Amino acid sequence: MALEKEERIVIPDENGEEHLFEVLFTFDVEKTEQSYIAVVPAEQKENEEVEVFAFRYEEKEDDDENLSLYQIESDEEWEMVEEMLNTLTDEDLT
């Protein structure tokens, strides 16, 4: 699961099938020292409603080609991520 130059990432699902996603953006939260990534499926059609997925991630220090993705589980963490997503998408629209 490495970030590629085209800003795409392959993420396996629970069945081990790999899916290609486009990276919308990454951001760090200084307060918690956590990093987050927001992605959308690469195969979606332009007219379809966009489904955004967000994960907490860590880059492996010994290998800059690999990322470890983690589900966001707490309500507080989701609220913080949603607020950041809204802020970043609002900035893109203006």
Protein backbone atom coordinates (compact mmCIF):
# COMPACT_ATOMS: atom_id res chain seq x y z
CA MET A 1 0.00 0.00 0.00
CA ALA A 2 2.29 2.73 -1.18
CA LEU A 3 1.51 6.23 -2.33
CA GLU A 4 2.37 6.44 -6.00
CA LYS A 5 3.51 9.47 -7.98
CA GLU A 6 0.09 9.65 -9.64
CA GLU A 7 -1.35 9.86 -6.14
CA ARG A 8 -3.10 6.53 -6.35
CA ILE A 9 -3.12 3.79 -3.78
CA VAL A 10 -4.12 0.13 -3.84
CA ILE A 11 -6.10 -1.01 -0.79
CA PRO A 12 -7.12 -4.64 -0.24
CA ASP A 13 -10.63 -5.28 1.10
CA GLU A 14 -11.61 -7.80 3.79
CA ASN A 15 -11.64 -10.56 1.13
CA GLY A 16 -8.12 -9.73 -0.05
CA GLU A 17 -9.29 -8.20 -3.35
CA GLU A 18 -7.26 -5.12 -4.29
CA HIS A 19 -8.98 -1.86 -5.25
CA LEU A 20 -7.43 1.24 -6.79
CA PHE A 21 -8.14 4.59 -5.11
CA GLU A 22 -7.22 8.14 -5.96
CA VAL A 23 -5.76 10.15 -3.10
CA LEU A 24 -7.69 13.36 -2.52
CA PHE A 25 -5.36 14.64 0.17
CA THR A 26 -3.43 13.79 3.29
CA PHE A 27 -3.21 15.83 6.44
CA ASP A 28 -1.54 15.71 9.84
CA VAL A 29 -3.03 16.62 13.19
CA GLU A 30 -0.34 18.18 15.34
CA LYS A 31 -2.33 17.82 18.56
CA THR A 32 -2.51 14.02 18.26
CA GLU A 33 0.54 13.55 16.01
CA GLN A 34 -1.61 11.40 13.69
CA SER A 35 -1.71 11.41 9.88
CA TYR A 36 -4.82 10.88 7.78
CA ILE A 37 -5.56 10.11 4.15
CA ALA A 38 -8.78 10.67 2.17
CA VAL A 39 -9.35 8.58 -0.95
CA VAL A 40 -12.05 7.92 -3.57
CA PRO A 41 -12.45 4.85 -5.80
CA ALA A 42 -10.54 5.34 -9.07
CA GLU A 43 -13.20 3.46 -11.06
CA GLN A 44 -16.14 5.72 -10.23
CA LYS A 45 -17.94 7.54 -13.01
CA GLU A 46 -17.80 11.33 -13.16
CA ASN A 47 -21.56 11.72 -12.74
CA GLU A 48 -21.76 9.38 -9.76
CA GLU A 49 -21.97 10.59 -6.19
CA VAL A 50 -18.48 10.56 -4.72
CA GLU A 51 -17.88 8.21 -1.81
CA VAL A 52 -14.91 9.37 0.24
CA PHE A 53 -12.99 6.99 2.49
CA ALA A 54 -10.69 8.21 5.25
CA PHE A 55 -8.05 6.33 7.18
CA ARG A 56 -5.41 7.06 9.77
CA TYR A 57 -2.04 6.05 8.36
CA GLU A 58 1.56 5.55 9.34
CA GLU A 59 4.51 5.41 6.99
CA LYS A 60 7.02 2.73 7.81
CA GLU A 61 10.26 4.51 8.65
CA ASP A 62 12.47 1.82 7.14
CA ASP A 63 10.54 1.72 3.86
CA ASP A 64 8.99 4.86 2.36
CA GLU A 65 7.13 2.64 -0.13
CA ASN A 66 4.77 1.18 2.48
CA LEU A 67 1.89 2.62 4.44
CA SER A 68 -0.08 1.06 7.23
CA LEU A 69 -3.77 2.06 7.14
CA TYR A 70 -6.01 1.99 10.20
CA GLN A 71 -9.79 2.25 10.48
CA ILE A 72 -11.08 5.33 12.25
CA GLU A 73 -13.04 3.95 15.17
CA SER A 74 -13.83 6.65 17.72
CA ASP A 75 -16.60 9.22 17.27
CA GLU A 76 -14.24 12.01 18.34
CA GLU A 77 -11.70 11.02 15.70
CA TRP A 78 -14.43 10.84 13.00
CA GLU A 79 -15.73 14.29 13.95
CA MET A 80 -12.24 15.75 13.68
CA VAL A 81 -11.65 14.07 10.29
CA GLU A 82 -15.05 15.19 8.94
CA GLU A 83 -14.35 18.75 10.04
CA MET A 84 -11.00 18.69 8.23
CA LEU A 85 -12.60 17.15 5.11
CA ASN A 86 -15.25 19.87 5.09
CA THR A 87 -12.64 22.58 5.55
CA LEU A 88 -10.42 21.26 2.78
CA THR A 89 -13.29 20.70 0.32
CA ASP A 90 -14.68 24.17 1.06
CA GLU A 91 -11.25 25.66 0.26
CA ASP A 92 -11.19 23.74 -3.03
CA LEU A 93 -14.59 25.13 -4.04
CA THR A 94 -13.63 28.78 -3.51
